[in-house]
């Protein structure tokens, strides 16, 4: 059984969403300078690289990432491939896919190829409102996508985030699904346990089912 690490490696060349703090490593102690150990300070945002959006991302009274249930973050997940040019993903894209019983859906698009650019690319594939409503109708509790936002870039009002988060659906953004065939896997999505945070970076691993 193969393991797929679908997390994006963090470095100072990792693309970040415009307006979010870039990732930076700052050496604090170094043995080469005579210190007793190597220690590094990390500077990053809660939505850097592969990360989880909690309802508090858009709703001040919503639960933070520390309140998300592991029962949602860990379990079977369906990787659904959306072929073709990068575009909005709507209800019509799920019409031929039976998602009955799938509570975790990860959207594999052409976005995964964008990670090699080193710069943020605004023309990424995204979930549109009809697609979000279709996933809600299936009872999906977690939805992931392979770039830094599930929402169309600069979409006024961020309706997809609101539709999903206000209903308690966990959003996982910044996945890299390029090497993962469509199908069902065991997913382990473990965001940093940051008290009250609106989101957190996560390590996400998929395991092939036997």
C-alpha atoms as a PDB file:
ATOM      1  CA  UNK A   1       0.000   0.000   0.000  1.00  0.00           C
ATOM      2  CA  UNK A   2       1.494   3.295  -1.124  1.00  0.00           C
ATOM      3  CA  UNK A   3       1.541   6.517   0.850  1.00  0.00           C
ATOM      4  CA  UNK A   4       1.138   9.835  -0.971  1.00  0.00           C
ATOM      5  CA  UNK A   5       2.318  12.970   0.788  1.00  0.00           C
ATOM      6  CA  UNK A   6       0.045  15.571  -0.817  1.00  0.00           C
ATOM      7  CA  UNK A   7       1.408  18.473   1.211  1.00  0.00           C
ATOM      8  CA  UNK A   8       3.348  21.322  -0.350  1.00  0.00           C
ATOM      9  CA  UNK A   9       6.905  21.680   0.918  1.00  0.00           C
ATOM     10  CA  UNK A  10       7.397  25.027   2.648  1.00  0.00           C
ATOM     11  CA  UNK A  11      10.302  27.205   1.632  1.00  0.00           C
ATOM     12  CA  UNK A  12      10.909  30.838   0.844  1.00  0.00           C
ATOM     13  CA  UNK A  13       9.944  30.107  -2.786  1.00  0.00           C
ATOM     14  CA  UNK A  14       6.554  28.588  -1.890  1.00  0.00           C
ATOM     15  CA  UNK A  15       3.801  30.727  -3.467  1.00  0.00           C
ATOM     16  CA  UNK A  16       1.542  32.577  -1.026  1.00  0.00           C
ATOM     17  CA  UNK A  17      -1.870  34.106  -1.559  1.00  0.00           C
ATOM     18  CA  UNK A  18      -1.603  37.858  -2.193  1.00  0.00           C
ATOM     19  CA  UNK A  19      -1.778  39.778   1.077  1.00  0.00           C
ATOM     20  CA  UNK A  20      -0.744  36.795   3.191  1.00  0.00           C
ATOM     21  CA  UNK A  21       2.664  36.743   4.902  1.00  0.00           C
ATOM     22  CA  UNK A  22       5.330  34.809   3.010  1.00  0.00           C
ATOM     23  CA  UNK A  23       7.093  31.860   4.587  1.00  0.00           C
ATOM     24  CA  UNK A  24      10.465  32.682   6.105  1.00  0.00           C
ATOM     25  CA  UNK A  25      13.021  30.806   8.227  1.00  0.00           C
ATOM     26  CA  UNK A  26      15.139  32.967  10.497  1.00  0.00           C
ATOM     27  CA  UNK A  27      18.175  31.409  12.191  1.00  0.00           C
ATOM     28  CA  UNK A  28      18.160  32.181  15.913  1.00  0.00           C
ATOM     29  CA  UNK A  29      20.959  29.930  17.140  1.00  0.00           C
ATOM     30  CA  UNK A  30      23.641  28.164  15.102  1.00  0.00           C
ATOM     31  CA  UNK A  31      26.372  25.775  16.214  1.00  0.00           C
ATOM     32  CA  UNK A  32      28.587  27.271  13.502  1.00  0.00           C
ATOM     33  CA  UNK A  33      28.464  30.528  15.448  1.00  0.00           C
ATOM     34  CA  UNK A  34      29.319  28.826  18.728  1.00  0.00           C
ATOM     35  CA  UNK A  35      25.760  28.220  19.988  1.00  0.00           C
ATOM     36  CA  UNK A  36      24.911  24.962  21.739  1.00  0.00           C
ATOM     37  CA  UNK A  37      22.273  23.955  19.172  1.00  0.00           C
ATOM     38  CA  UNK A  38      20.567  25.012  15.970  1.00  0.00           C
ATOM     39  CA  UNK A  39      17.243  26.826  16.498  1.00  0.00           C
ATOM     40  CA  UNK A  40      15.150  28.527  13.816  1.00  0.00           C
ATOM     41  CA  UNK A  41      12.229  30.939  14.015  1.00  0.00           C
ATOM     42  CA  UNK A  42       9.411  30.351  11.534  1.00  0.00           C
ATOM     43  CA  UNK A  43       7.411  33.236  10.074  1.00  0.00           C
ATOM     44  CA  UNK A  44       4.251  32.229   8.212  1.00  0.00           C
ATOM     45  CA  UNK A  45       0.530  32.788   8.038  1.00  0.00           C
ATOM     46  CA  UNK A  46      -2.229  30.441   9.106  1.00  0.00           C
ATOM     47  CA  UNK A  47      -3.064  29.873   5.415  1.00  0.00           C
ATOM     48  CA  UNK A  48       0.437  29.134   4.166  1.00  0.00           C
ATOM     49  CA  UNK A  49       1.053  26.161   1.860  1.00  0.00           C
ATOM     50  CA  UNK A  50      -1.154  23.153   2.563  1.00  0.00           C
ATOM     51  CA  UNK A  51      -3.593  24.324   5.201  1.00  0.00           C
ATOM     52  CA  UNK A  52      -7.022  23.915   6.751  1.00  0.00           C
ATOM     53  CA  UNK A  53      -9.683  26.636   6.851  1.00  0.00           C
ATOM     54  CA  UNK A  54     -11.776  26.668  10.020  1.00  0.00           C
ATOM     55  CA  UNK A  55     -15.171  28.435  10.175  1.00  0.00           C
ATOM     56  CA  UNK A  56     -13.474  31.277  12.082  1.00  0.00           C
ATOM     57  CA  UNK A  57     -11.722  32.183   8.826  1.00  0.00           C
ATOM     58  CA  UNK A  58     -14.901  34.060   7.847  1.00  0.00           C
ATOM     59  CA  UNK A  59     -17.088  33.964  10.973  1.00  0.00           C
ATOM     60  CA  UNK A  60     -15.766  35.573  14.155  1.00  0.00           C
ATOM     61  CA  UNK A  61     -18.004  33.399  16.336  1.00  0.00           C
ATOM     62  CA  UNK A  62     -17.186  30.201  14.427  1.00  0.00           C
ATOM     63  CA  UNK A  63     -14.992  27.448  15.843  1.00  0.00           C
ATOM     64  CA  UNK A  64     -11.240  27.725  15.387  1.00  0.00           C
ATOM     65  CA  UNK A  65      -8.981  25.077  13.963  1.00  0.00           C
ATOM     66  CA  UNK A  66      -8.355  23.661  17.450  1.00  0.00           C
ATOM     67  CA  UNK A  67     -12.046  22.751  17.688  1.00  0.00           C
ATOM     68  CA  UNK A  68     -12.200  20.715  14.466  1.00  0.00           C
ATOM     69  CA  UNK A  69     -12.967  17.048  14.972  1.00  0.00           C
ATOM     70  CA  UNK A  70     -10.376  14.441  14.056  1.00  0.00           C
ATOM     71  CA  UNK A  71     -13.331  12.331  12.901  1.00  0.00           C
ATOM     72  CA  UNK A  72     -13.640  14.742   9.961  1.00  0.00           C
ATOM     73  CA  UNK A  73      -9.928  15.246   9.339  1.00  0.00           C
ATOM     74  CA  UNK A  74      -9.053  11.546   9.292  1.00  0.00           C
ATOM     75  CA  UNK A  75     -10.851   8.872   7.276  1.00  0.00           C
ATOM     76  CA  UNK A  76     -11.737   7.751   3.743  1.00  0.00           C
ATOM     77  CA  UNK A  77     -11.413  10.490   1.099  1.00  0.00           C
ATOM     78  CA  UNK A  78     -12.388  10.458  -2.558  1.00  0.00           C
ATOM     79  CA  UNK A  79      -9.993  12.056  -5.053  1.00  0.00           C
ATOM     80  CA  UNK A  80     -12.095  13.350  -7.954  1.00  0.00           C
ATOM     81  CA  UNK A  81     -10.188  14.386 -11.063  1.00  0.00           C
ATOM     82  CA  UNK A  82     -11.534  17.369 -12.994  1.00  0.00           C
ATOM     83  CA  UNK A  83      -9.838  17.208 -16.426  1.00  0.00           C
ATOM     84  CA  UNK A  84      -9.390  19.954 -18.941  1.00  0.00           C
ATOM     85  CA  UNK A  85      -8.445  23.620 -18.657  1.00  0.00           C
ATOM     86  CA  UNK A  86      -8.405  25.319 -15.266  1.00  0.00           C
ATOM     87  CA  UNK A  87     -11.872  26.765 -14.692  1.00  0.00           C
ATOM     88  CA  UNK A  88     -14.801  26.888 -12.312  1.00  0.00           C
ATOM     89  CA  UNK A  89     -15.962  23.497 -11.042  1.00  0.00           C
ATOM     90  CA  UNK A  90     -19.749  23.330 -10.963  1.00  0.00           C
ATOM     91  CA  UNK A  91     -22.564  20.918 -10.217  1.00  0.00           C
ATOM     92  CA  UNK A  92     -22.333  19.556 -13.781  1.00  0.00           C
ATOM     93  CA  UNK A  93     -18.842  18.225 -13.012  1.00  0.00           C
ATOM     94  CA  UNK A  94     -20.272  15.956 -10.321  1.00  0.00           C
ATOM     95  CA  UNK A  95     -23.265  14.756 -12.345  1.00  0.00           C
ATOM     96  CA  UNK A  96     -21.415  11.670 -13.625  1.00  0.00           C
ATOM     97  CA  UNK A  97     -19.683  10.973 -10.309  1.00  0.00           C
ATOM     98  CA  UNK A  98     -21.632   9.175  -7.611  1.00  0.00           C
ATOM     99  CA  UNK A  99     -20.471  10.771  -4.362  1.00  0.00           C
ATOM    100  CA  UNK A 100     -23.113   9.079  -2.226  1.00  0.00           C
ATOM    101  CA  UNK A 101     -21.465   8.095   1.029  1.00  0.00           C
ATOM    102  CA  UNK A 102     -18.315  10.155   0.348  1.00  0.00           C
ATOM    103  CA  UNK A 103     -17.898  12.577   3.220  1.00  0.00           C
ATOM    104  CA  UNK A 104     -14.432  13.810   2.162  1.00  0.00           C
ATOM    105  CA  UNK A 105     -13.806  14.948  -1.402  1.00  0.00           C
ATOM    106  CA  UNK A 106     -10.485  16.179  -2.789  1.00  0.00           C
ATOM    107  CA  UNK A 107     -10.546  17.961  -6.156  1.00  0.00           C
ATOM    108  CA  UNK A 108      -7.623  17.145  -8.450  1.00  0.00           C
ATOM    109  CA  UNK A 109      -7.277  19.732 -11.206  1.00  0.00           C
ATOM    110  CA  UNK A 110      -4.599  21.246 -13.395  1.00  0.00           C
ATOM    111  CA  UNK A 111      -3.676  23.398 -10.403  1.00  0.00           C
ATOM    112  CA  UNK A 112      -1.128  20.890  -9.153  1.00  0.00           C
ATOM    113  CA  UNK A 113       1.166  21.902 -12.034  1.00  0.00           C
ATOM    114  CA  UNK A 114       1.194  25.492 -10.751  1.00  0.00           C
ATOM    115  CA  UNK A 115       3.305  24.674  -7.695  1.00  0.00           C
ATOM    116  CA  UNK A 116       6.478  24.594  -9.766  1.00  0.00           C
ATOM    117  CA  UNK A 117       6.127  28.217 -10.903  1.00  0.00           C
ATOM    118  CA  UNK A 118       7.467  29.733  -7.677  1.00  0.00           C
ATOM    119  CA  UNK A 119       4.981  32.590  -7.982  1.00  0.00           C
ATOM    120  CA  UNK A 120       1.282  32.909  -7.217  1.00  0.00           C
ATOM    121  CA  UNK A 121      -0.901  32.152 -10.246  1.00  0.00           C
ATOM    122  CA  UNK A 122      -4.350  33.807 -10.205  1.00  0.00           C
ATOM    123  CA  UNK A 123      -5.882  31.686 -12.996  1.00  0.00           C
ATOM    124  CA  UNK A 124      -6.343  28.565 -10.871  1.00  0.00           C
ATOM    125  CA  UNK A 125      -9.281  26.157 -10.989  1.00  0.00           C
ATOM    126  CA  UNK A 126     -11.837  26.773  -8.258  1.00  0.00           C
ATOM    127  CA  UNK A 127     -15.162  25.515  -6.922  1.00  0.00           C
ATOM    128  CA  UNK A 128     -18.142  27.640  -7.920  1.00  0.00           C
ATOM    129  CA  UNK A 129     -21.366  28.096  -5.966  1.00  0.00           C
ATOM    130  CA  UNK A 130     -23.292  25.405  -7.833  1.00  0.00           C
ATOM    131  CA  UNK A 131     -20.471  22.947  -7.169  1.00  0.00           C
ATOM    132  CA  UNK A 132     -20.429  23.836  -3.471  1.00  0.00           C
ATOM    133  CA  UNK A 133     -24.187  23.298  -3.223  1.00  0.00           C
ATOM    134  CA  UNK A 134     -23.877  19.949  -5.000  1.00  0.00           C
ATOM    135  CA  UNK A 135     -21.255  18.775  -2.483  1.00  0.00           C
ATOM    136  CA  UNK A 136     -23.437  19.968   0.389  1.00  0.00           C
ATOM    137  CA  UNK A 137     -26.357  18.001  -1.036  1.00  0.00           C
ATOM    138  CA  UNK A 138     -24.195  14.868  -0.983  1.00  0.00           C
ATOM    139  CA  UNK A 139     -23.436  15.461   2.690  1.00  0.00           C
ATOM    140  CA  UNK A 140     -19.738  16.172   2.189  1.00  0.00           C
ATOM    141  CA  UNK A 141     -18.063  17.301   5.432  1.00  0.00           C
ATOM    142  CA  UNK A 142     -14.598  18.086   4.073  1.00  0.00           C
ATOM    143  CA  UNK A 143     -13.559  19.367   0.664  1.00  0.00           C
ATOM    144  CA  UNK A 144     -10.012  19.961  -0.560  1.00  0.00           C
ATOM    145  CA  UNK A 145      -8.457  21.496  -3.647  1.00  0.00           C
ATOM    146  CA  UNK A 146      -4.963  21.625  -5.103  1.00  0.00           C
ATOM    147  CA  UNK A 147      -4.193  25.334  -4.850  1.00  0.00           C
ATOM    148  CA  UNK A 148      -4.208  28.145  -2.307  1.00  0.00           C
ATOM    149  CA  UNK A 149      -7.927  28.885  -2.397  1.00  0.00           C
ATOM    150  CA  UNK A 150     -11.085  26.982  -3.170  1.00  0.00           C
ATOM    151  CA  UNK A 151     -12.671  30.280  -4.219  1.00  0.00           C
ATOM    152  CA  UNK A 152     -12.270  32.082  -7.529  1.00  0.00           C
ATOM    153  CA  UNK A 153      -9.539  34.685  -7.188  1.00  0.00           C
ATOM    154  CA  UNK A 154     -10.949  37.940  -5.803  1.00  0.00           C
ATOM    155  CA  UNK A 155     -14.545  36.699  -6.005  1.00  0.00           C
ATOM    156  CA  UNK A 156     -16.642  39.383  -4.270  1.00  0.00           C
ATOM    157  CA  UNK A 157     -18.106  38.195  -0.982  1.00  0.00           C
ATOM    158  CA  UNK A 158     -16.311  34.813  -1.066  1.00  0.00           C
ATOM    159  CA  UNK A 159     -19.643  32.953  -1.444  1.00  0.00           C
ATOM    160  CA  UNK A 160     -18.154  29.438  -1.632  1.00  0.00           C
ATOM    161  CA  UNK A 161     -16.240  29.872   1.617  1.00  0.00           C
ATOM    162  CA  UNK A 162     -19.402  31.176   3.265  1.00  0.00           C
ATOM    163  CA  UNK A 163     -21.578  28.366   1.908  1.00  0.00           C
ATOM    164  CA  UNK A 164     -19.234  25.661   3.179  1.00  0.00           C
ATOM    165  CA  UNK A 165     -17.876  27.106   6.413  1.00  0.00           C
ATOM    166  CA  UNK A 166     -21.208  28.290   7.801  1.00  0.00           C
ATOM    167  CA  UNK A 167     -22.407  24.678   7.511  1.00  0.00           C
ATOM    168  CA  UNK A 168     -19.355  23.333   9.285  1.00  0.00           C
ATOM    169  CA  UNK A 169     -17.647  21.900   6.203  1.00  0.00           C
ATOM    170  CA  UNK A 170     -13.867  21.836   6.614  1.00  0.00           C
ATOM    171  CA  UNK A 171     -11.886  23.270   3.686  1.00  0.00           C
ATOM    172  CA  UNK A 172      -8.396  21.985   2.881  1.00  0.00           C
ATOM    173  CA  UNK A 173      -6.427  24.163   0.477  1.00  0.00           C
ATOM    174  CA  UNK A 174      -2.953  23.981  -1.012  1.00  0.00           C
ATOM    175  CA  UNK A 175      -2.863  20.252  -1.769  1.00  0.00           C
ATOM    176  CA  UNK A 176      -0.574  18.773  -4.418  1.00  0.00           C
ATOM    177  CA  UNK A 177      -2.459  15.898  -6.046  1.00  0.00           C
ATOM    178  CA  UNK A 178      -0.393  15.666  -9.230  1.00  0.00           C
ATOM    179  CA  UNK A 179       0.880  12.137  -8.544  1.00  0.00           C
ATOM    180  CA  UNK A 180      -2.350  10.760  -7.082  1.00  0.00           C
ATOM    181  CA  UNK A 181      -4.725   8.744  -9.301  1.00  0.00           C
ATOM    182  CA  UNK A 182      -8.442   9.338  -8.870  1.00  0.00           C
ATOM    183  CA  UNK A 183     -10.000   7.000  -6.338  1.00  0.00           C
ATOM    184  CA  UNK A 184     -10.608   6.477  -2.639  1.00  0.00           C
ATOM    185  CA  UNK A 185      -7.870   6.620  -0.004  1.00  0.00           C
ATOM    186  CA  UNK A 186      -7.435   6.833   3.729  1.00  0.00           C
ATOM    187  CA  UNK A 187      -6.676  10.462   4.490  1.00  0.00           C
ATOM    188  CA  UNK A 188      -4.705  11.808   7.435  1.00  0.00           C
ATOM    189  CA  UNK A 189      -5.023  15.599   7.603  1.00  0.00           C
ATOM    190  CA  UNK A 190      -3.422  17.033  10.737  1.00  0.00           C
ATOM    191  CA  UNK A 191      -3.395  20.827  11.064  1.00  0.00           C
ATOM    192  CA  UNK A 192      -1.309  22.472  13.766  1.00  0.00           C
ATOM    193  CA  UNK A 193      -3.292  22.671  16.994  1.00  0.00           C
ATOM    194  CA  UNK A 194      -3.294  26.468  17.370  1.00  0.00           C
ATOM    195  CA  UNK A 195      -5.722  27.834  19.951  1.00  0.00           C
ATOM    196  CA  UNK A 196      -8.527  29.823  18.363  1.00  0.00           C
ATOM    197  CA  UNK A 197      -6.852  30.074  14.959  1.00  0.00           C
ATOM    198  CA  UNK A 198      -8.835  30.741  11.771  1.00  0.00           C
ATOM    199  CA  UNK A 199      -6.751  28.106  10.015  1.00  0.00           C
ATOM    200  CA  UNK A 200      -3.453  26.277  10.240  1.00  0.00           C
ATOM    201  CA  UNK A 201      -0.811  24.651   8.048  1.00  0.00           C
ATOM    202  CA  UNK A 202      -1.271  20.878   7.809  1.00  0.00           C
ATOM    203  CA  UNK A 203       0.551  17.738   6.756  1.00  0.00           C
ATOM    204  CA  UNK A 204      -1.803  15.684   4.596  1.00  0.00           C
ATOM    205  CA  UNK A 205      -1.088  12.075   3.639  1.00  0.00           C
ATOM    206  CA  UNK A 206      -3.178   9.660   1.572  1.00  0.00           C
ATOM    207  CA  UNK A 207      -2.842   5.895   1.933  1.00  0.00           C
ATOM    208  CA  UNK A 208      -3.945   3.435  -0.710  1.00  0.00           C
ATOM    209  CA  UNK A 209      -6.696   1.115   0.395  1.00  0.00           C
ATOM    210  CA  UNK A 210      -5.982  -2.609   0.295  1.00  0.00           C
END
